Amino acid sequence: MLLDIMLNSLITSKTRLRMLIKFFVSAANNGYLNGLANEFNESTNSIRKELNNLSGAGYLLKSKENNRVIYNANTSHPMFEVLQKIVRQHLGLEDIVETVIERIGDVDQIALTGEYAKGIDSGNIEIIINGLDVNKDYLEKIKPKIKKKIGREVSFLLNQKLDLNSIILYKRITR
């Protein structure tokens, strides 16, 4: 929650914050002007301004595809990993992973899925947990605590297949 306040005071443009989430929660996410305007329910002018600012600073790359300019995160930018970590902390993903791994059981994998994996700040974070003997009661018990800490709802999906948009947050290293 403190990071939320700090980030909101540092980045005063809500549109820019939403774009950082969109492009830096997963490097696979991309977007184009009209699509982003529709997704964020914003004017194309405000989206264009932020796209120009972020691409001008080198954070986003542009490419042409079917008469559209497509934007995606510049993974070779020196600040890419830092921004990705900040965005993931802002969303509370690291807190969720730490909480789950500490007390949940035998976890093989934790992944972000749904709207947030696509970079859409919808207010409900969907987390897939794959593993044996996962403590479902504990997960239900920690939901309100996580919501209070990160300011977002969390849904846990147990032993589900990952989809193309899923982002692996934790994977057990097998020996």
N, C-alpha and C. Protein backbone atom coordinates (compact mmCIF):
# COMPACT_ATOMS: atom_id res chain seq x y z
N MET A 1 0.82 -1.18 0.00
CA MET A 1 0.00 0.00 0.00
C MET A 1 0.87 1.26 0.00
N LEU A 2 1.98 1.24 0.74
CA LEU A 2 2.89 2.38 0.77
C LEU A 2 3.48 2.61 -0.61
N LEU A 3 3.87 1.53 -1.30
CA LEU A 3 4.41 1.66 -2.65
C LEU A 3 3.36 2.26 -3.57
N ASP A 4 2.11 1.88 -3.38
CA ASP A 4 1.00 2.42 -4.16
C ASP A 4 0.95 3.94 -4.02
N ILE A 5 1.02 4.42 -2.81
CA ILE A 5 0.97 5.86 -2.53
C ILE A 5 2.18 6.56 -3.13
N MET A 6 3.36 5.95 -2.96
CA MET A 6 4.58 6.54 -3.49
C MET A 6 4.54 6.61 -5.01
N LEU A 7 4.11 5.53 -5.65
CA LEU A 7 4.06 5.48 -7.10
C LEU A 7 3.03 6.47 -7.64
N ASN A 8 1.89 6.56 -6.98
CA ASN A 8 0.86 7.51 -7.42
C ASN A 8 1.31 8.96 -7.27
N SER A 9 2.13 9.25 -6.26
CA SER A 9 2.63 10.62 -6.12
C SER A 9 3.78 10.89 -7.09
N LEU A 10 4.54 9.87 -7.42
CA LEU A 10 5.64 10.02 -8.36
C LEU A 10 5.13 10.10 -9.80
N ILE A 11 4.17 9.25 -10.14
CA ILE A 11 3.59 9.24 -11.48
C ILE A 11 2.17 9.78 -11.35
N THR A 12 2.02 11.07 -11.64
CA THR A 12 0.74 11.73 -11.43
C THR A 12 -0.26 11.46 -12.54
N SER A 13 0.21 11.01 -13.69
CA SER A 13 -0.70 10.70 -14.79
C SER A 13 -1.23 9.28 -14.62
N LYS A 14 -2.54 9.16 -14.42
CA LYS A 14 -3.17 7.83 -14.28
C LYS A 14 -3.00 7.04 -15.57
N THR A 15 -3.06 7.73 -16.70
CA THR A 15 -2.88 7.07 -17.99
C THR A 15 -1.48 6.47 -18.09
N ARG A 16 -0.47 7.22 -17.68
CA ARG A 16 0.90 6.71 -17.74
C ARG A 16 1.07 5.51 -16.82
N LEU A 17 0.49 5.57 -15.63
CA LEU A 17 0.58 4.45 -14.70
C LEU A 17 -0.08 3.20 -15.29
N ARG A 18 -1.25 3.37 -15.90
CA ARG A 18 -1.93 2.24 -16.52
C ARG A 18 -1.11 1.67 -17.67
N MET A 19 -0.43 2.54 -18.41
CA MET A 19 0.42 2.06 -19.51
C MET A 19 1.63 1.30 -18.98
N LEU A 20 2.22 1.80 -17.92
CA LEU A 20 3.35 1.08 -17.33
C LEU A 20 2.92 -0.31 -16.88
N ILE A 21 1.74 -0.41 -16.28
CA ILE A 21 1.23 -1.72 -15.87
C ILE A 21 1.03 -2.59 -17.11
N LYS A 22 0.40 -2.03 -18.13
CA LYS A 22 0.11 -2.77 -19.36
C LYS A 22 1.39 -3.37 -19.96
N PHE A 23 2.39 -2.54 -20.13
CA PHE A 23 3.58 -2.97 -20.86
C PHE A 23 4.65 -3.64 -20.00
N PHE A 24 4.66 -3.36 -18.70
CA PHE A 24 5.75 -3.89 -17.88
C PHE A 24 5.36 -5.03 -16.95
N VAL A 25 4.08 -5.35 -16.80
CA VAL A 25 3.74 -6.53 -16.01
C VAL A 25 4.21 -7.76 -16.78
N SER A 26 4.17 -7.69 -18.11
CA SER A 26 4.66 -8.76 -18.98
C SER A 26 5.21 -8.14 -20.25
N ALA A 27 6.42 -8.51 -20.62
CA ALA A 27 7.04 -7.99 -21.83
C ALA A 27 6.29 -8.46 -23.08
N ALA A 28 5.46 -9.48 -22.96
CA ALA A 28 4.71 -9.99 -24.11
C ALA A 28 3.52 -9.10 -24.47
N ASN A 29 3.11 -8.22 -23.56
CA ASN A 29 1.97 -7.35 -23.83
C ASN A 29 2.35 -6.28 -24.84
N ASN A 30 1.41 -5.97 -25.71
CA ASN A 30 1.62 -4.88 -26.66
C ASN A 30 0.29 -4.17 -26.87
N GLY A 31 0.32 -3.07 -27.62
CA GLY A 31 -0.90 -2.33 -27.87
C GLY A 31 -0.69 -1.30 -28.96
N TYR A 32 -1.80 -0.79 -29.47
CA TYR A 32 -1.78 0.27 -30.47
C TYR A 32 -2.73 1.37 -30.02
N LEU A 33 -2.60 2.54 -30.62
CA LEU A 33 -3.28 3.75 -30.15
C LEU A 33 -4.78 3.55 -29.90
N ASN A 34 -5.54 3.18 -30.91
CA ASN A 34 -6.99 3.06 -30.73
C ASN A 34 -7.37 1.93 -29.78
N GLY A 35 -6.65 0.82 -29.84
CA GLY A 35 -6.91 -0.29 -28.93
C GLY A 35 -6.71 0.10 -27.48
N LEU A 36 -5.63 0.84 -27.21
CA LEU A 36 -5.36 1.30 -25.84
C LEU A 36 -6.40 2.33 -25.40
N ALA A 37 -6.79 3.21 -26.31
CA ALA A 37 -7.81 4.21 -25.97
C ALA A 37 -9.12 3.51 -25.57
N ASN A 38 -9.50 2.48 -26.30
CA ASN A 38 -10.70 1.72 -25.95
C ASN A 38 -10.53 0.96 -24.65
N GLU A 39 -9.40 0.30 -24.49
CA GLU A 39 -9.13 -0.50 -23.29
C GLU A 39 -9.14 0.34 -22.03
N PHE A 40 -8.53 1.53 -22.11
CA PHE A 40 -8.43 2.41 -20.94
C PHE A 40 -9.61 3.38 -20.84
N ASN A 41 -10.48 3.38 -21.85
CA ASN A 41 -11.59 4.31 -21.91
C ASN A 41 -11.10 5.75 -21.80
N GLU A 42 -10.10 6.07 -22.61
CA GLU A 42 -9.46 7.38 -22.62
C GLU A 42 -9.49 7.94 -24.04
N SER A 43 -9.22 9.22 -24.17
CA SER A 43 -9.16 9.82 -25.51
C SER A 43 -7.87 9.38 -26.20
N THR A 44 -7.92 9.35 -27.53
CA THR A 44 -6.71 8.98 -28.28
C THR A 44 -5.61 10.02 -28.06
N ASN A 45 -5.98 11.28 -27.81
CA ASN A 45 -4.97 12.32 -27.57
C ASN A 45 -4.15 12.03 -26.32
N SER A 46 -4.82 11.67 -25.23
CA SER A 46 -4.07 11.40 -23.99
C SER A 46 -3.22 10.14 -24.14
N ILE A 47 -3.73 9.14 -24.86
CA ILE A 47 -2.96 7.92 -25.09
C ILE A 47 -1.75 8.23 -25.97
N ARG A 48 -1.98 8.99 -27.04
CA ARG A 48 -0.88 9.35 -27.95
C ARG A 48 0.23 10.09 -27.21
N LYS A 49 -0.18 11.02 -26.36
CA LYS A 49 0.81 11.81 -25.59
C LYS A 49 1.68 10.89 -24.73
N GLU A 50 1.05 9.95 -24.02
CA GLU A 50 1.82 9.05 -23.15
C GLU A 50 2.67 8.07 -23.96
N LEU A 51 2.13 7.57 -25.07
CA LEU A 51 2.92 6.69 -25.93
C LEU A 51 4.15 7.42 -26.47
N ASN A 52 3.97 8.66 -26.87
CA ASN A 52 5.10 9.45 -27.36
C ASN A 52 6.13 9.69 -26.27
N ASN A 53 5.65 10.01 -25.05
CA ASN A 53 6.57 10.23 -23.93
C ASN A 53 7.38 8.97 -23.61
N LEU A 54 6.68 7.84 -23.49
CA LEU A 54 7.35 6.59 -23.11
C LEU A 54 8.25 6.05 -24.22
N SER A 55 7.83 6.19 -25.47
CA SER A 55 8.69 5.72 -26.56
C SER A 55 9.84 6.69 -26.79
N GLY A 56 9.60 7.98 -26.60
CA GLY A 56 10.66 8.98 -26.73
C GLY A 56 11.77 8.78 -25.71
N ALA A 57 11.39 8.29 -24.52
CA ALA A 57 12.37 8.02 -23.46
C ALA A 57 13.03 6.66 -23.65
N GLY A 58 12.57 5.90 -24.64
CA GLY A 58 13.17 4.59 -24.92
C GLY A 58 12.57 3.43 -24.15
N TYR A 59 11.52 3.67 -23.36
CA TYR A 59 10.89 2.60 -22.58
C TYR A 59 10.04 1.68 -23.45
N LEU A 60 9.47 2.25 -24.52
CA LEU A 60 8.64 1.48 -25.43
C LEU A 60 9.25 1.47 -26.82
N LEU A 61 9.07 0.37 -27.53
CA LEU A 61 9.49 0.25 -28.91
C LEU A 61 8.26 0.32 -29.80
N LYS A 62 8.45 0.85 -31.01
CA LYS A 62 7.37 0.94 -31.99
C LYS A 62 7.69 0.03 -33.17
N SER A 63 6.64 -0.60 -33.71
CA SER A 63 6.79 -1.36 -34.94
C SER A 63 5.50 -1.22 -35.74
N LYS A 64 5.62 -1.37 -37.04
CA LYS A 64 4.44 -1.26 -37.92
C LYS A 64 3.89 -2.64 -38.20
N GLU A 65 2.55 -2.75 -38.14
CA GLU A 65 1.88 -4.01 -38.42
C GLU A 65 0.49 -3.70 -38.99
N ASN A 66 0.27 -4.03 -40.25
CA ASN A 66 -1.03 -3.79 -40.89
C ASN A 66 -1.52 -2.35 -40.71
N ASN A 67 -0.73 -1.39 -41.09
CA ASN A 67 -1.08 0.03 -41.00
C ASN A 67 -1.31 0.52 -39.57
N ARG A 68 -0.83 -0.22 -38.59
CA ARG A 68 -0.91 0.20 -37.19
C ARG A 68 0.49 0.30 -36.62
N VAL A 69 0.66 1.23 -35.71
CA VAL A 69 1.92 1.30 -34.96
C VAL A 69 1.69 0.53 -33.66
N ILE A 70 2.44 -0.53 -33.48
CA ILE A 70 2.32 -1.37 -32.30
C ILE A 70 3.42 -1.00 -31.32
N TYR A 71 3.06 -0.87 -30.06
CA TYR A 71 4.02 -0.53 -29.00
C TYR A 71 4.20 -1.73 -28.07
N ASN A 72 5.42 -1.93 -27.62
CA ASN A 72 5.70 -2.92 -26.58
C ASN A 72 6.92 -2.47 -25.78
N ALA A 73 7.10 -3.08 -24.63
CA ALA A 73 8.20 -2.70 -23.74
C ALA A 73 9.55 -2.98 -24.40
N ASN A 74 10.48 -2.08 -24.19
CA ASN A 74 11.84 -2.25 -24.68
C ASN A 74 12.62 -3.05 -23.62
N THR A 75 12.71 -4.36 -23.84
CA THR A 75 13.34 -5.23 -22.84
C THR A 75 14.84 -5.02 -22.75
N SER A 76 15.43 -4.33 -23.71
CA SER A 76 16.87 -4.07 -23.62
C SER A 76 17.17 -2.71 -23.00
N HIS A 77 16.14 -1.97 -22.62
CA HIS A 77 16.34 -0.69 -21.93
C HIS A 77 16.96 -0.98 -20.56
N PRO A 78 17.95 -0.18 -20.13
CA PRO A 78 18.60 -0.44 -18.84
C PRO A 78 17.65 -0.43 -17.64
N MET A 79 16.50 0.24 -17.78
CA MET A 79 15.56 0.33 -16.67
C MET A 79 14.42 -0.70 -16.78
N PHE A 80 14.44 -1.56 -17.79
CA PHE A 80 13.33 -2.49 -17.99
C PHE A 80 13.06 -3.34 -16.75
N GLU A 81 14.08 -4.03 -16.25
CA GLU A 81 13.88 -4.92 -15.09
C GLU A 81 13.45 -4.15 -13.86
N VAL A 82 13.99 -2.95 -13.68
CA VAL A 82 13.61 -2.12 -12.54
C VAL A 82 12.14 -1.73 -12.64
N LEU A 83 11.72 -1.27 -13.82
CA LEU A 83 10.31 -0.89 -14.00
C LEU A 83 9.39 -2.08 -13.84
N GLN A 84 9.80 -3.22 -14.36
CA GLN A 84 8.96 -4.42 -14.22
C GLN A 84 8.81 -4.79 -12.74
N LYS A 85 9.89 -4.70 -12.00
CA LYS A 85 9.84 -5.02 -10.57
C LYS A 85 8.95 -4.02 -9.82
N ILE A 86 9.05 -2.75 -10.16
CA ILE A 86 8.22 -1.72 -9.53
C ILE A 86 6.75 -1.96 -9.82
N VAL A 87 6.43 -2.27 -11.08
CA VAL A 87 5.04 -2.53 -11.46
C VAL A 87 4.50 -3.74 -10.71
N ARG A 88 5.30 -4.80 -10.66
CA ARG A 88 4.85 -6.01 -9.96
C ARG A 88 4.70 -5.78 -8.46
N GLN A 89 5.57 -4.95 -7.89
CA GLN A 89 5.42 -4.61 -6.46
C GLN A 89 4.19 -3.73 -6.27
N HIS A 90 3.97 -2.80 -7.17
CA HIS A 90 2.79 -1.93 -7.11
C HIS A 90 1.51 -2.75 -7.10
N LEU A 91 1.48 -3.80 -7.90
CA LEU A 91 0.30 -4.67 -7.96
C LEU A 91 0.23 -5.64 -6.78
N GLY A 92 1.32 -5.77 -6.03
CA GLY A 92 1.32 -6.66 -4.87
C GLY A 92 1.65 -8.10 -5.20
N LEU A 93 2.17 -8.35 -6.39
CA LEU A 93 2.42 -9.73 -6.82
C LEU A 93 3.50 -10.41 -5.97
N GLU A 94 4.52 -9.67 -5.60
CA GLU A 94 5.59 -10.27 -4.78
C GLU A 94 5.08 -10.63 -3.40
N ASP A 95 4.21 -9.79 -2.85
CA ASP A 95 3.61 -10.09 -1.53
C ASP A 95 2.79 -11.37 -1.60
N ILE A 96 2.03 -11.52 -2.69
CA ILE A 96 1.19 -12.71 -2.84
C ILE A 96 2.06 -13.95 -2.90
N VAL A 97 3.10 -13.91 -3.74
CA VAL A 97 3.97 -15.08 -3.90
C VAL A 97 4.62 -15.45 -2.56
N GLU A 98 5.16 -14.46 -1.86
CA GLU A 98 5.82 -14.74 -0.57
C GLU A 98 4.84 -15.36 0.43
N THR A 99 3.65 -14.79 0.51
CA THR A 99 2.63 -15.28 1.45
C THR A 99 2.24 -16.71 1.13
N VAL A 100 2.03 -16.98 -0.15
CA VAL A 100 1.59 -18.32 -0.57
C VAL A 100 2.68 -19.36 -0.33
N ILE A 101 3.89 -19.05 -0.72
CA ILE A 101 4.98 -20.04 -0.61
C ILE A 101 5.28 -20.38 0.84
N GLU A 102 5.19 -19.39 1.71
CA GLU A 102 5.54 -19.60 3.12
C GLU A 102 4.68 -20.67 3.79
N ARG A 103 3.36 -20.67 3.52
CA ARG A 103 2.48 -21.48 4.36
C ARG A 103 1.48 -22.36 3.64
N ILE A 104 1.59 -22.50 2.36
CA ILE A 104 0.49 -23.11 1.64
C ILE A 104 0.59 -24.61 1.41
N GLY A 105 1.76 -25.15 1.40
CA GLY A 105 1.89 -26.57 1.09
C GLY A 105 2.96 -26.79 0.04
N ASP A 106 2.76 -27.78 -0.77
CA ASP A 106 3.74 -28.19 -1.76
C ASP A 106 3.46 -27.49 -3.09
N VAL A 107 4.04 -26.31 -3.30
CA VAL A 107 3.76 -25.51 -4.49
C VAL A 107 4.83 -25.73 -5.55
N ASP A 108 4.37 -26.08 -6.77
CA ASP A 108 5.28 -26.24 -7.90
C ASP A 108 5.39 -24.96 -8.71
N GLN A 109 4.26 -24.24 -8.79
CA GLN A 109 4.23 -23.09 -9.69
C GLN A 109 3.15 -22.10 -9.25
N ILE A 110 3.47 -20.82 -9.39
CA ILE A 110 2.50 -19.75 -9.15
C ILE A 110 2.54 -18.86 -10.38
N ALA A 111 1.36 -18.55 -10.93
CA ALA A 111 1.32 -17.74 -12.15
C ALA A 111 0.19 -16.71 -12.08
N LEU A 112 0.44 -15.59 -12.69
CA LEU A 112 -0.56 -14.55 -12.85
C LEU A 112 -1.32 -14.84 -14.14
N THR A 113 -2.64 -14.74 -14.09
CA THR A 113 -3.45 -14.99 -15.29
C THR A 113 -4.57 -13.96 -15.34
N GLY A 114 -5.41 -14.02 -16.34
CA GLY A 114 -6.55 -13.12 -16.44
C GLY A 114 -6.17 -11.73 -16.89
N GLU A 115 -6.98 -10.75 -16.45
CA GLU A 115 -6.83 -9.37 -16.90
C GLU A 115 -5.45 -8.78 -16.58
N TYR A 116 -4.94 -9.03 -15.39
CA TYR A 116 -3.66 -8.46 -15.02
C TYR A 116 -2.51 -9.00 -15.85
N ALA A 117 -2.59 -10.25 -16.26
CA ALA A 117 -1.56 -10.81 -17.12
C ALA A 117 -1.55 -10.10 -18.47
N LYS A 118 -2.69 -9.55 -18.85
CA LYS A 118 -2.79 -8.80 -20.09
C LYS A 118 -2.46 -7.32 -19.89
N GLY A 119 -2.18 -6.94 -18.64
CA GLY A 119 -1.83 -5.56 -18.33
C GLY A 119 -3.01 -4.67 -18.04
N ILE A 120 -4.17 -5.26 -17.74
CA ILE A 120 -5.37 -4.49 -17.45
C ILE A 120 -5.58 -4.47 -15.94
N ASP A 121 -5.55 -3.27 -15.37
CA ASP A 121 -5.70 -3.07 -13.92
C ASP A 121 -7.18 -3.10 -13.57
N SER A 122 -7.74 -4.31 -13.46
CA SER A 122 -9.18 -4.49 -13.28
C SER A 122 -9.62 -4.51 -11.82
N GLY A 123 -8.68 -4.66 -10.90
CA GLY A 123 -9.04 -4.73 -9.49
C GLY A 123 -9.13 -6.13 -8.94
N ASN A 124 -9.10 -7.16 -9.81
CA ASN A 124 -9.14 -8.55 -9.35
C ASN A 124 -7.96 -9.31 -9.96
N ILE A 125 -7.03 -9.67 -9.11
CA ILE A 125 -5.84 -10.41 -9.55
C ILE A 125 -6.14 -11.90 -9.48
N GLU A 126 -5.94 -12.58 -10.59
CA GLU A 126 -6.16 -14.02 -10.64
C GLU A 126 -4.81 -14.73 -10.61
N ILE A 127 -4.67 -15.62 -9.64
CA ILE A 127 -3.42 -16.35 -9.44
C ILE A 127 -3.68 -17.84 -9.57
N ILE A 128 -2.90 -18.49 -10.43
CA ILE A 128 -2.96 -19.95 -10.55
C ILE A 128 -1.89 -20.53 -9.64
N ILE A 129 -2.28 -21.50 -8.82
CA ILE A 129 -1.33 -22.19 -7.96
C ILE A 129 -1.39 -23.67 -8.32
N ASN A 130 -0.29 -24.20 -8.76
CA ASN A 130 -0.20 -25.62 -9.10
C ASN A 130 0.71 -26.31 -8.11
N GLY A 131 0.22 -27.40 -7.54
CA GLY A 131 1.01 -28.16 -6.59
C GLY A 131 0.16 -29.20 -5.89
N LEU A 132 0.80 -30.00 -5.06
CA LEU A 132 0.12 -31.05 -4.32
C LEU A 132 -0.26 -30.55 -2.93
N ASP A 133 -1.37 -31.03 -2.42
CA ASP A 133 -1.81 -30.73 -1.05
C ASP A 133 -1.81 -29.24 -0.72
N VAL A 134 -2.33 -28.42 -1.63
CA VAL A 134 -2.40 -26.99 -1.39
C VAL A 134 -3.51 -26.74 -0.37
N ASN A 135 -3.21 -25.95 0.63
CA ASN A 135 -4.13 -25.67 1.71
C ASN A 135 -5.18 -24.63 1.26
N LYS A 136 -6.33 -25.12 0.80
CA LYS A 136 -7.40 -24.25 0.28
C LYS A 136 -7.99 -23.36 1.38
N ASP A 137 -8.12 -23.90 2.57
CA ASP A 137 -8.68 -23.12 3.69
C ASP A 137 -7.79 -21.92 3.99
N TYR A 138 -6.49 -22.15 3.99
CA TYR A 138 -5.55 -21.06 4.26
C TYR A 138 -5.68 -19.98 3.17
N LEU A 139 -5.81 -20.40 1.91
CA LEU A 139 -5.95 -19.43 0.82
C LEU A 139 -7.18 -18.55 1.04
N GLU A 140 -8.28 -19.16 1.42
CA GLU A 140 -9.50 -18.38 1.67
C GLU A 140 -9.31 -17.42 2.83
N LYS A 141 -8.55 -17.86 3.83
CA LYS A 141 -8.31 -17.05 5.03
C LYS A 141 -7.43 -15.83 4.72
N ILE A 142 -6.47 -16.00 3.80
CA ILE A 142 -5.55 -14.88 3.55
C ILE A 142 -6.06 -13.88 2.52
N LYS A 143 -7.13 -14.21 1.80
CA LYS A 143 -7.66 -13.28 0.79
C LYS A 143 -7.94 -11.89 1.36
N PRO A 144 -8.68 -11.78 2.48
CA PRO A 144 -8.95 -10.43 3.01
C PRO A 144 -7.68 -9.70 3.45
N LYS A 145 -6.72 -10.45 3.98
CA LYS A 145 -5.46 -9.83 4.41
C LYS A 145 -4.69 -9.28 3.22
N ILE A 146 -4.66 -10.07 2.15
CA ILE A 146 -3.97 -9.62 0.94
C ILE A 146 -4.68 -8.40 0.35
N LYS A 147 -6.01 -8.44 0.32
CA LYS A 147 -6.77 -7.31 -0.22
C LYS A 147 -6.47 -6.04 0.57
N LYS A 148 -6.42 -6.17 1.89
CA LYS A 148 -6.13 -5.00 2.72
C LYS A 148 -4.72 -4.47 2.45
N LYS A 149 -3.79 -5.39 2.24
CA LYS A 149 -2.39 -4.99 2.03
C LYS A 149 -2.16 -4.37 0.66
N ILE A 150 -2.76 -4.95 -0.40
CA ILE A 150 -2.46 -4.47 -1.75
C ILE A 150 -3.58 -3.68 -2.40
N GLY A 151 -4.76 -3.65 -1.77
CA GLY A 151 -5.87 -2.86 -2.29
C GLY A 151 -6.53 -3.46 -3.52
N ARG A 152 -6.40 -4.76 -3.72
CA ARG A 152 -7.02 -5.44 -4.86
C ARG A 152 -7.55 -6.79 -4.42
N GLU A 153 -8.63 -7.22 -5.05
CA GLU A 153 -9.15 -8.57 -4.82
C GLU A 153 -8.19 -9.59 -5.40
N VAL A 154 -8.15 -10.78 -4.80
CA VAL A 154 -7.32 -11.86 -5.32
C VAL A 154 -8.18 -13.12 -5.42
N SER A 155 -8.09 -13.77 -6.57
CA SER A 155 -8.75 -15.06 -6.77
C SER A 155 -7.67 -16.10 -6.99
N PHE A 156 -7.79 -17.21 -6.28
CA PHE A 156 -6.83 -18.29 -6.44
C PHE A 156 -7.47 -19.41 -7.23
N LEU A 157 -6.80 -19.86 -8.27
CA LEU A 157 -7.25 -20.97 -9.10
C LEU A 157 -6.26 -22.10 -8.89
N LEU A 158 -6.75 -23.24 -8.44
CA LEU A 158 -5.84 -24.34 -8.09
C LEU A 158 -5.71 -25.34 -9.23
N ASN A 159 -4.46 -25.75 -9.46
CA ASN A 159 -4.12 -26.79 -10.42
C ASN A 159 -4.82 -26.60 -11.77
N GLN A 160 -4.59 -25.42 -12.33
CA GLN A 160 -5.14 -25.06 -13.64
C GLN A 160 -4.02 -25.03 -14.67
N LYS A 161 -4.39 -25.22 -15.92
CA LYS A 161 -3.44 -25.06 -17.01
C LYS A 161 -3.18 -23.58 -17.24
N LEU A 162 -1.95 -23.25 -17.56
CA LEU A 162 -1.63 -21.86 -17.88
C LEU A 162 -2.09 -21.58 -19.30
N ASP A 163 -2.56 -20.34 -19.53
CA ASP A 163 -2.90 -19.97 -20.90
C ASP A 163 -1.75 -19.15 -21.48
N LEU A 164 -1.90 -18.71 -22.71
CA LEU A 164 -0.83 -17.99 -23.40
C LEU A 164 -0.43 -16.69 -22.71
N ASN A 165 -1.37 -16.07 -22.00
CA ASN A 165 -1.09 -14.80 -21.33
C ASN A 165 -0.54 -14.96 -19.92
N SER A 166 -0.58 -16.17 -19.38
CA SER A 166 -0.14 -16.38 -18.00
C SER A 166 1.33 -16.01 -17.83
N ILE A 167 1.62 -15.43 -16.68
CA ILE A 167 2.99 -15.01 -16.36
C ILE A 167 3.43 -15.81 -15.14
N ILE A 168 4.49 -16.57 -15.28
CA ILE A 168 4.99 -17.37 -14.17
C ILE A 168 5.70 -16.46 -13.17
N LEU A 169 5.21 -16.47 -11.94
CA LEU A 169 5.80 -15.66 -10.87
C LEU A 169 6.76 -16.47 -10.01
N TYR A 170 6.52 -17.78 -9.95
CA TYR A 170 7.36 -18.67 -9.16
C TYR A 170 7.30 -20.05 -9.79
N LYS A 171 8.45 -20.69 -9.88
CA LYS A 171 8.50 -22.07 -10.34
C LYS A 171 9.56 -22.79 -9.52
N ARG A 172 9.14 -23.92 -8.95
CA ARG A 172 10.07 -24.69 -8.14
C ARG A 172 11.20 -25.20 -9.03
N ILE A 173 12.39 -25.07 -8.53
CA ILE A 173 13.55 -25.59 -9.25
C ILE A 173 13.70 -27.06 -8.90
N THR A 174 13.63 -27.90 -9.91
CA THR A 174 13.78 -29.34 -9.68
C THR A 174 15.24 -29.71 -9.77
N ARG A 175 15.61 -30.64 -8.93
CA ARG A 175 17.03 -31.05 -8.90
C ARG A 175 17.21 -32.40 -9.49
